[in-house]
Protein backbone atom coordinates (compact mmCIF):
# COMPACT_ATOMS: atom_id res chain seq x y z
CA MET A 1 -52.31 17.64 42.24
CA GLY A 2 -50.28 14.36 42.41
CA ASN A 3 -47.94 13.01 39.83
CA ASP A 4 -50.50 10.30 38.96
CA HIS A 5 -52.50 12.86 36.96
CA GLN A 6 -49.54 14.18 34.91
CA THR A 7 -49.59 13.25 31.23
CA LYS A 8 -47.39 13.23 28.15
CA LEU A 9 -47.83 12.69 24.43
CA CYS A 10 -47.14 9.27 22.94
CA LYS A 11 -43.90 9.36 20.95
CA HIS A 12 -45.60 7.54 18.10
CA CYS A 13 -49.34 8.32 17.80
CA LYS A 14 -49.24 11.60 19.82
CA THR A 15 -52.14 10.52 22.04
CA GLU A 16 -52.16 12.00 25.56
CA ILE A 17 -51.18 9.23 27.95
CA PRO A 18 -50.09 9.00 31.63
CA LYS A 19 -46.56 10.30 32.11
CA ALA A 20 -45.44 7.08 33.82
CA ALA A 21 -46.73 4.87 30.99
CA LYS A 22 -44.03 2.77 29.34
CA VAL A 23 -46.44 1.47 26.68
CA CYS A 24 -49.04 3.61 24.91
CA PRO A 25 -52.56 2.31 25.70
CA ASN A 26 -53.66 3.49 22.24
CA CYS A 27 -50.94 2.26 19.80
CA ARG A 28 -49.31 -0.24 22.19
CA LYS A 29 -45.79 1.00 21.34
CA LYS A 30 -43.04 1.41 23.89
CA GLN A 31 -42.24 4.95 25.00
CA GLY A 32 -38.67 4.56 26.19
CA GLY A 33 -36.00 6.17 23.99
CA VAL A 34 -33.06 4.34 25.56
CA LEU A 35 -33.10 1.49 23.05
CA LYS A 36 -32.62 3.87 20.16
CA TRP A 37 -29.48 5.33 21.73
CA ILE A 38 -28.14 1.89 22.55
CA VAL A 39 -28.53 0.90 18.89
CA ILE A 40 -26.80 4.11 17.74
CA VAL A 41 -23.88 3.54 20.13
CA LEU A 42 -23.51 -0.08 19.02
CA ILE A 43 -23.49 0.92 15.35
CA ALA A 44 -20.87 3.62 16.02
CA LEU A 45 -18.67 1.13 17.89
CA ALA A 46 -18.99 -1.37 15.04
CA ILE A 47 -17.90 1.25 12.50
CA ILE A 48 -14.89 2.27 14.62
CA PHE A 49 -13.90 -1.38 15.06
CA ALA A 50 -14.23 -2.05 11.34
CA ILE A 51 -12.03 0.93 10.47
CA SER A 52 -9.33 0.11 13.01
CA GLY A 53 -9.39 -3.62 12.32
CA GLY A 54 -9.61 -3.39 8.55
CA SER A 55 -6.80 -0.94 7.99
CA GLY A 56 -4.19 -3.71 8.22
CA ASP A 57 -0.46 -3.26 7.89
CA ASP A 58 0.28 -1.16 4.81
CA SER A 59 4.09 -1.46 5.00
CA PRO A 60 5.91 -3.97 2.79
CA LYS A 61 7.84 -6.71 4.58
CA LYS A 62 11.22 -8.02 3.56
CA VAL A 63 11.27 -11.58 2.22
CA GLU A 64 14.47 -13.48 2.94
CA ASN A 65 15.84 -14.86 -0.33
CA ASN A 66 19.00 -16.49 0.97
CA VAL A 67 19.38 -19.63 3.07
CA ALA A 68 20.69 -18.78 6.51
CA ASN A 69 24.41 -19.36 7.05
CA ASP A 70 25.01 -21.87 9.83
CA SER A 71 28.03 -19.88 10.96
CA GLN A 72 25.89 -16.81 11.65
CA PRO A 73 24.23 -16.48 15.04
CA ALA A 74 20.53 -17.20 15.01
CA VAL A 75 18.24 -14.20 15.20
CA LYS A 76 15.19 -14.54 17.37
CA ASP A 77 11.84 -14.44 15.56
CA SER A 78 10.76 -11.40 17.55
CA GLU A 79 13.91 -9.52 16.56
CA THR A 80 13.49 -10.46 12.89
CA GLU A 81 9.87 -9.34 12.93
CA GLU A 82 10.82 -6.01 14.49
CA VAL A 83 13.47 -5.36 11.81
CA GLN A 84 11.03 -6.26 9.04
CA GLN A 85 8.36 -3.94 10.42
CA GLU A 86 10.78 -1.03 10.60
CA GLU A 87 12.20 -1.49 7.08
CA THR A 88 10.44 0.63 4.47
CA ILE A 89 13.10 1.07 1.76
CA PHE A 90 14.68 -1.97 0.13
CA GLN A 91 18.05 -2.49 -1.53
CA VAL A 92 19.17 -4.31 -4.69
CA GLY A 93 18.51 -8.04 -4.31
CA GLU A 94 15.94 -7.66 -1.54
CA THR A 95 12.32 -8.73 -1.99
CA ALA A 96 9.47 -6.69 -0.55
CA GLU A 97 6.05 -8.28 -0.03
CA LEU A 98 2.71 -6.58 0.60
CA ASN A 99 -0.83 -7.94 0.24
CA GLY A 100 0.27 -10.89 -1.89
CA VAL A 101 2.52 -8.90 -4.25
CA LYS A 102 6.29 -9.50 -4.20
CA VAL A 103 8.70 -7.02 -5.81
CA THR A 104 12.47 -7.43 -6.19
CA MET A 105 14.95 -5.00 -7.70
CA THR A 106 17.25 -7.71 -9.01
CA ASP A 107 20.01 -5.52 -10.47
CA TYR A 108 20.89 -2.10 -11.84
CA LEU A 109 23.25 -0.68 -14.44
CA GLU A 110 24.78 2.76 -14.92
CA SER A 111 25.46 3.61 -18.56
CA THR A 112 26.98 6.51 -20.46
CA GLY A 113 25.04 5.44 -23.53
CA SER A 114 26.24 4.29 -26.93
CA ASP A 115 27.57 6.01 -30.06
CA TYR A 116 24.16 7.13 -31.27
CA ASN A 117 22.32 7.29 -27.96
CA LYS A 118 23.87 9.37 -25.21
CA PRO A 119 22.40 11.18 -22.20
CA THR A 120 22.55 14.95 -21.88
CA ASP A 121 26.01 16.29 -21.02
CA GLY A 122 26.69 15.79 -17.33
CA ASN A 123 24.15 12.97 -17.06
CA VAL A 124 24.16 9.17 -17.17
CA PHE A 125 21.52 6.49 -17.64
CA ILE A 126 20.33 4.34 -14.74
CA LEU A 127 18.68 1.04 -15.70
CA ALA A 128 16.99 -0.87 -12.88
CA GLU A 129 15.79 -4.42 -13.37
CA PHE A 130 12.73 -5.60 -11.45
CA GLU A 131 10.87 -8.85 -10.92
CA ILE A 132 7.22 -8.56 -9.89
CA GLU A 133 5.23 -11.57 -8.67
CA ASN A 134 1.44 -11.35 -8.54
CA GLY A 135 0.38 -13.54 -5.63
CA THR A 136 -3.18 -12.17 -5.59
CA ASP A 137 -6.25 -13.67 -7.25
CA LYS A 138 -6.62 -10.74 -9.68
CA GLU A 139 -4.76 -9.62 -12.78
CA MET A 140 -2.27 -6.76 -12.30
CA THR A 141 -1.48 -4.04 -14.81
CA VAL A 142 2.04 -2.60 -14.81
CA SER A 143 3.04 0.60 -16.61
CA SER A 144 6.57 2.01 -16.83
CA MET A 145 5.16 5.53 -16.78
CA MET A 146 2.23 5.13 -14.35
CA SER A 147 3.43 2.47 -11.88
CA PHE A 148 6.86 3.92 -11.16
CA GLU A 149 8.24 7.20 -9.82
CA ALA A 150 11.88 7.92 -9.11
CA TYR A 151 14.14 10.45 -7.40
CA ALA A 152 17.87 11.16 -7.66
CA ASP A 153 19.16 12.77 -4.46
CA ASP A 154 15.53 13.76 -3.68
CA TYR A 155 14.92 15.38 -7.11
CA ALA A 156 12.13 13.87 -9.20
CA LEU A 157 13.16 11.98 -12.34
CA ASN A 158 11.32 11.46 -15.60
CA TYR A 159 10.94 8.10 -17.26
CA SER A 160 13.56 7.93 -20.04
CA VAL A 161 12.91 6.23 -23.37
CA SER A 162 16.54 6.89 -24.35
CA ALA A 163 17.76 5.00 -21.30
CA LEU A 164 15.65 1.99 -22.25
CA ILE A 165 17.41 1.79 -25.62
CA GLU A 166 20.46 0.65 -23.62
CA LYS A 167 18.55 -2.16 -21.89
CA GLY A 168 19.73 -4.80 -24.34
CA GLY A 169 17.51 -7.86 -24.41
CA SER A 170 15.61 -7.00 -21.24
CA ASN A 171 11.85 -6.53 -21.42
CA GLN A 172 10.14 -3.26 -20.69
CA LEU A 173 7.96 -3.14 -17.57
CA ASP A 174 4.62 -2.76 -19.32
CA GLY A 175 1.72 -5.17 -19.55
CA THR A 176 -0.42 -7.38 -17.37
CA ILE A 177 0.49 -10.08 -14.86
CA ALA A 178 -2.07 -12.83 -14.39
CA ALA A 179 -2.83 -14.11 -10.91
CA GLY A 180 0.02 -16.30 -9.69
CA LYS A 181 2.39 -15.19 -12.48
CA LYS A 182 5.52 -13.01 -12.70
CA MET A 183 6.96 -10.21 -14.83
CA LYS A 184 10.60 -9.24 -15.26
CA GLY A 185 11.84 -6.13 -16.99
CA THR A 186 13.78 -2.88 -16.85
CA ILE A 187 12.93 0.73 -16.03
CA GLY A 188 15.24 3.55 -17.16
CA TYR A 189 16.04 7.08 -16.02
CA GLU A 190 18.54 9.83 -16.85
CA VAL A 191 20.31 11.17 -13.75
CA PRO A 192 23.19 13.55 -12.95
CA ALA A 193 26.58 11.85 -13.31
CA ASP A 194 27.44 12.72 -9.71
CA TRP A 195 24.32 11.10 -8.25
CA LYS A 196 24.62 9.57 -4.79
CA ASN A 197 21.21 8.05 -4.15
CA VAL A 198 18.37 6.94 -6.42
CA GLU A 199 14.96 5.94 -5.05
CA ILE A 200 12.47 4.06 -7.22
CA HIS A 201 8.89 3.68 -5.99
CA PHE A 202 6.54 1.06 -7.46
CA THR A 203 2.78 1.10 -6.93
CA ASP A 204 1.04 -2.19 -7.71
CA ASP A 205 -2.07 -0.47 -9.05
CA VAL A 206 -2.90 3.06 -10.21
CA TRP A 207 -5.55 3.42 -7.48
CA SER A 208 -3.66 1.49 -4.81
CA ASN A 209 -1.90 2.79 -1.70
CA ASN A 210 0.52 -0.15 -1.76
CA LYS A 211 3.90 1.41 -2.49
CA PHE A 212 7.22 -0.44 -2.69
CA LYS A 213 10.33 1.73 -2.27
CA PHE A 214 13.76 0.67 -3.50
CA GLU A 215 17.08 2.44 -3.15
CA ILE A 216 20.33 2.46 -5.15
CA THR A 217 23.37 4.05 -3.52
CA LYS A 218 26.92 4.54 -4.76
């Protein structure tokens, strides 16, 4: 018996039709399954492209605050870009920028406290002053307890209310920053007197992955 008499079931209406038929004589629907797989492959490629293209650069970049000195040799743009991409921890006076948010640790102070407000024996207060600029189109909420985490020589630190008593006239870093506006204030910690390195991490939103890392070294 020749191949001309072989049959198959329609993929749609299940009618018996010639095996070579590309269109069902009964329901008039195409029998080829290739299109379905092409669509699946295209959708998968689109998802992969969206993930890889939408991830973006999640590392803060350094913003140059000072005017370049004419006596210093010029740095090529490519070299500057490479340095900025590699830098992940910022120092006092440096501004980090990520997704429209700029953060600067403008200054810090080490204090042994005052007559009626002293740290635990063997400890000192560290007061770090920050300026945060909201360059996004949404309001930002900043919390001294929720937005910041700190480490002294790799040991986690707790937010210190006692340290903030020594902040003088500086504002506390709590509240909201409207789109296009800034906030300036102080965060305080109690650290061992022999500390060598303090890291302070700021997250611009409780649910965000955008983390700015600043470092104070003796």
